[in-house]
Amino acid sequence: MKLKRVLINDDHDAIVQSVAQVLESNGITKIDKTQYCDEAYLKLKKAELQNESYDLLITDLSFKNDHRNVNLNSGESLIEKVRAENPEIPIIVYSMKDQLQKVRSLVKKQGINGYVCKDRNGSKELSEAVSTVLTGGLYLSPQVGKALQPKSKMEIDDFDIQLIKLLSNGLSQEDISEDLKYKSITPNSVSTIEKRLNKLKIQFRAKNTIHLVAITKDLGLI
């Protein structure tokens, strides 16, 4: 496989330029750049309609909100939408997040081709990821290399992460139940939420829910 045209989607100018330099060092010169997931999706669709499809999408996961109204507010939502319509395009995630369960979900559910962590070795690893994708392989940064191995006892499911995030926002168990019902997410009963949180407190040896939120934040799980 030869990469001819690549789309970079990131809302930090410095990161975009750094990624472009990595691509150029790999002989790729047709590079387009976006800072919004909606814009990235439209560029991908337009290129497809003009029979000039991109050969690779490199995207961050987190995007800051500003004055624009957006439909796709994260790299994950962009990937999900792109994958539903185009399961073949190679996708590399370039992100600060190093949560194993996040990487595992993106690889298994969305079929991403690479996950590179933004750190001191980010540019080097991104170059390696591009080379790996060229040969049809899967690349994961060393920090998340264990993502496809069996879960450790310190990992939690997406539902549990959502519960803890809602707790960290100051919601009570009753509030969380109402929030989940509003979003049509199940299970959503107060009793189930209480049981899940009690299980998590035991798992992480947390004294209370505040301690649980602090521990999971320190571990980078939320």
Protein backbone atom coordinates (compact mmCIF):
# COMPACT_ATOMS: atom_id res chain seq x y z
CA MET A 1 0.00 0.00 0.00
CA LYS A 2 1.22 3.50 -0.84
CA LEU A 3 -0.03 6.56 0.98
CA LYS A 4 -0.74 9.39 -1.44
CA ARG A 5 -3.16 11.63 0.43
CA VAL A 6 -3.54 12.02 4.19
CA LEU A 7 -5.92 14.02 6.38
CA ILE A 8 -4.73 15.31 9.77
CA ASN A 9 -7.45 16.25 12.26
CA ASP A 10 -6.23 18.04 15.41
CA ASP A 11 -7.11 21.38 17.01
CA HIS A 12 -3.54 22.31 17.98
CA ASP A 13 -1.52 24.05 15.27
CA ALA A 14 1.82 22.85 16.64
CA ILE A 15 0.68 19.24 16.66
CA VAL A 16 -0.68 19.50 13.12
CA GLN A 17 2.64 20.87 11.87
CA SER A 18 4.57 18.19 13.74
CA VAL A 19 2.42 15.42 12.23
CA ALA A 20 2.80 16.97 8.76
CA GLN A 21 6.58 16.91 9.16
CA VAL A 22 6.47 13.23 10.07
CA LEU A 23 4.41 12.49 6.97
CA GLU A 24 6.68 14.54 4.73
CA SER A 25 9.69 12.65 6.07
CA ASN A 26 7.93 9.50 4.89
CA GLY A 27 7.57 10.92 1.38
CA ILE A 28 3.92 11.99 1.72
CA THR A 29 3.25 15.45 0.31
CA LYS A 30 -0.50 15.57 -0.28
CA ILE A 31 -1.57 16.52 3.24
CA ASP A 32 -4.81 18.22 4.25
CA LYS A 33 -5.51 19.59 7.73
CA THR A 34 -8.66 20.18 9.78
CA GLN A 35 -9.30 21.33 13.33
CA TYR A 36 -12.91 20.20 13.69
CA CYS A 37 -14.35 16.70 13.42
CA ASP A 38 -17.31 17.93 11.35
CA GLU A 39 -14.90 19.54 8.92
CA ALA A 40 -12.82 16.36 8.73
CA TYR A 41 -15.90 14.28 7.97
CA LEU A 42 -17.00 16.66 5.20
CA LYS A 43 -13.54 16.60 3.64
CA LEU A 44 -13.53 12.80 3.69
CA LYS A 45 -16.98 12.65 2.05
CA LYS A 46 -16.11 15.26 -0.57
CA ALA A 47 -12.89 13.45 -1.48
CA GLU A 48 -14.80 10.19 -1.82
CA LEU A 49 -17.42 11.76 -4.10
CA GLN A 50 -14.66 13.19 -6.30
CA ASN A 51 -12.94 9.78 -6.49
CA GLU A 52 -9.93 11.22 -4.66
CA SER A 53 -10.36 9.38 -1.38
CA TYR A 54 -7.86 9.80 1.42
CA ASP A 55 -5.46 6.95 2.09
CA LEU A 56 -5.14 7.68 5.80
CA LEU A 57 -6.87 9.64 8.57
CA ILE A 58 -4.83 10.74 11.60
CA THR A 59 -6.99 12.19 14.36
CA ASP A 60 -6.89 13.22 17.99
CA LEU A 61 -9.69 12.15 20.34
CA SER A 62 -10.23 15.34 22.36
CA PHE A 63 -11.32 18.66 20.85
CA LYS A 64 -12.04 21.84 22.78
CA ASN A 65 -15.42 23.48 22.36
CA ASP A 66 -15.58 27.01 20.99
CA HIS A 67 -18.16 29.27 19.32
CA ARG A 68 -19.05 26.71 16.66
CA ASN A 69 -22.04 24.41 16.91
CA VAL A 70 -20.82 20.93 16.08
CA ASN A 71 -22.39 17.54 15.45
CA LEU A 72 -19.20 15.53 15.94
CA ASN A 73 -17.49 16.78 19.08
CA SER A 74 -14.78 14.15 19.49
CA GLY A 75 -12.42 11.98 17.53
CA GLU A 76 -14.33 8.94 18.71
CA SER A 77 -17.59 10.21 17.22
CA LEU A 78 -15.77 10.99 13.97
CA ILE A 79 -14.22 7.53 13.82
CA GLU A 80 -17.55 5.85 14.52
CA LYS A 81 -19.27 7.78 11.73
CA VAL A 82 -16.45 7.25 9.25
CA ARG A 83 -16.23 3.55 10.03
CA ALA A 84 -19.97 3.09 9.52
CA GLU A 85 -19.60 4.38 5.97
CA ASN A 86 -16.06 3.44 5.09
CA PRO A 87 -14.64 0.42 6.93
CA GLU A 88 -11.55 0.33 4.72
CA ILE A 89 -9.82 3.68 5.30
CA PRO A 90 -6.81 3.31 7.63
CA ILE A 91 -7.12 5.38 10.82
CA ILE A 92 -4.39 6.30 13.28
CA VAL A 93 -5.32 7.92 16.59
CA TYR A 94 -2.77 10.39 17.97
CA SER A 95 -3.79 11.21 21.53
CA MET A 96 -2.68 12.15 25.03
CA LYS A 97 -4.97 9.47 26.44
CA ASP A 98 -3.37 6.17 27.37
CA GLN A 99 -6.35 4.29 28.78
CA LEU A 100 -6.09 0.63 27.82
CA GLN A 101 -9.84 0.08 27.71
CA LYS A 102 -10.21 3.07 25.39
CA VAL A 103 -7.60 1.70 23.00
CA ARG A 104 -9.07 -1.80 23.19
CA SER A 105 -12.52 -0.49 22.27
CA LEU A 106 -11.23 1.57 19.35
CA VAL A 107 -9.29 -1.38 17.95
CA LYS A 108 -11.95 -4.04 18.42
CA LYS A 109 -15.12 -2.04 17.78
CA GLN A 110 -13.96 0.59 15.29
CA GLY A 111 -11.04 -1.22 13.70
CA ILE A 112 -8.47 1.57 13.98
CA ASN A 113 -5.07 0.72 12.53
CA GLY A 114 -2.87 2.53 14.99
CA TYR A 115 -2.85 4.28 18.36
CA VAL A 116 0.04 6.61 19.11
CA CYS A 117 0.47 8.43 22.42
CA LYS A 118 1.53 12.07 22.35
CA ASP A 119 4.67 12.22 24.45
CA ARG A 120 8.44 12.65 24.09
CA ASN A 121 8.65 9.85 21.53
CA GLY A 122 5.38 10.69 19.81
CA SER A 123 6.84 11.79 16.47
CA LYS A 124 9.12 8.73 16.25
CA GLU A 125 6.26 6.38 17.13
CA LEU A 126 3.93 8.10 14.68
CA SER A 127 6.46 7.53 11.91
CA GLU A 128 6.63 3.86 12.91
CA ALA A 129 2.84 3.70 12.93
CA VAL A 130 2.61 5.11 9.41
CA SER A 131 5.14 2.55 8.18
CA THR A 132 3.25 -0.25 9.91
CA VAL A 133 -0.07 0.83 8.40
CA LEU A 134 1.56 0.89 4.97
CA THR A 135 2.22 -2.83 5.33
CA GLY A 136 -1.27 -3.57 6.65
CA GLY A 137 -0.24 -3.99 10.27
CA LEU A 138 -1.54 -2.64 13.59
CA TYR A 139 0.62 -0.26 15.62
CA LEU A 140 0.22 0.56 19.31
CA SER A 141 2.53 2.79 21.35
CA PRO A 142 4.42 0.90 24.08
CA GLN A 143 2.32 2.64 26.77
CA VAL A 144 -0.83 0.98 25.43
CA GLY A 145 0.75 -2.12 23.97
CA LYS A 146 -1.06 -4.34 26.49
CA ALA A 147 -4.48 -3.09 25.36
CA LEU A 148 -5.27 -6.32 23.52
CA GLN A 149 -4.15 -8.56 26.36
CA PRO A 150 -6.64 -9.83 28.97
CA LYS A 151 -7.94 -7.09 31.26
CA SER A 152 -6.15 -6.45 34.53
CA LYS A 153 -8.10 -6.03 37.75
CA MET A 154 -7.38 -2.29 37.64
CA GLU A 155 -9.30 -1.82 34.37
CA ILE A 156 -12.98 -1.00 34.20
CA ASP A 157 -15.71 -1.00 31.57
CA ASP A 158 -16.97 2.04 29.69
CA PHE A 159 -20.19 1.98 31.73
CA ASP A 160 -18.21 2.14 34.98
CA ILE A 161 -16.13 5.01 33.61
CA GLN A 162 -19.33 6.87 32.77
CA LEU A 163 -20.66 6.36 36.31
CA ILE A 164 -17.46 7.70 37.87
CA LYS A 165 -17.36 10.67 35.49
CA LEU A 166 -20.92 11.58 36.49
CA LEU A 167 -19.94 11.25 40.15
CA SER A 168 -16.96 13.54 39.56
CA ASN A 169 -19.39 16.13 38.16
CA GLY A 170 -21.21 16.19 41.50
CA LEU A 171 -24.21 14.01 40.58
CA SER A 172 -25.87 11.85 43.20
CA GLN A 173 -26.84 8.25 42.47
CA GLU A 174 -30.40 9.42 41.87
CA ASP A 175 -29.16 12.11 39.48
CA ILE A 176 -27.04 9.55 37.63
CA SER A 177 -30.06 7.29 37.27
CA GLU A 178 -32.09 10.12 35.74
CA ASP A 179 -29.22 11.08 33.44
CA LEU A 180 -28.87 7.51 32.14
CA LYS A 181 -32.62 7.20 31.63
CA TYR A 182 -32.65 10.46 29.68
CA LYS A 183 -29.87 9.12 27.45
CA SER A 184 -31.64 5.72 27.14
CA ILE A 185 -28.64 3.95 28.67
CA THR A 186 -29.23 0.73 30.58
CA PRO A 187 -28.94 -0.44 33.27
CA ASN A 188 -30.09 2.76 34.94
CA SER A 189 -31.83 1.89 38.20
CA VAL A 190 -30.55 3.44 41.42
CA SER A 191 -30.06 -0.01 42.97
CA THR A 192 -27.91 -1.18 40.04
CA ILE A 193 -25.84 2.01 40.14
CA GLU A 194 -25.32 1.58 43.89
CA LYS A 195 -24.19 -2.04 43.42
CA ARG A 196 -21.76 -1.10 40.62
CA LEU A 197 -20.24 1.72 42.68
CA ASN A 198 -19.89 -0.51 45.74
CA LYS A 199 -18.13 -3.10 43.61
CA LEU A 200 -15.78 -0.44 42.24
CA LYS A 201 -15.01 0.84 45.75
CA ILE A 202 -14.02 -2.69 46.79
CA GLN A 203 -12.01 -3.18 43.59
CA PHE A 204 -10.02 0.01 44.08
CA ARG A 205 -10.03 -0.13 47.90
CA ALA A 206 -11.73 3.26 48.03
CA LYS A 207 -13.16 4.49 51.33
CA ASN A 208 -16.01 6.36 49.66
CA THR A 209 -17.14 7.66 46.27
CA ILE A 210 -14.96 10.79 46.55
CA HIS A 211 -11.94 8.57 47.20
CA LEU A 212 -12.98 6.37 44.24
CA VAL A 213 -13.06 9.37 41.90
CA ALA A 214 -9.63 10.49 43.14
CA ILE A 215 -8.08 7.04 42.67
CA THR A 216 -9.41 6.55 39.16
CA LYS A 217 -8.27 10.05 38.18
CA ASP A 218 -4.78 9.30 39.48
CA LEU A 219 -4.73 6.09 37.43
CA GLY A 220 -5.80 8.00 34.31
CA LEU A 221 -8.99 5.98 33.94
CA ILE A 222 -11.19 9.07 33.72
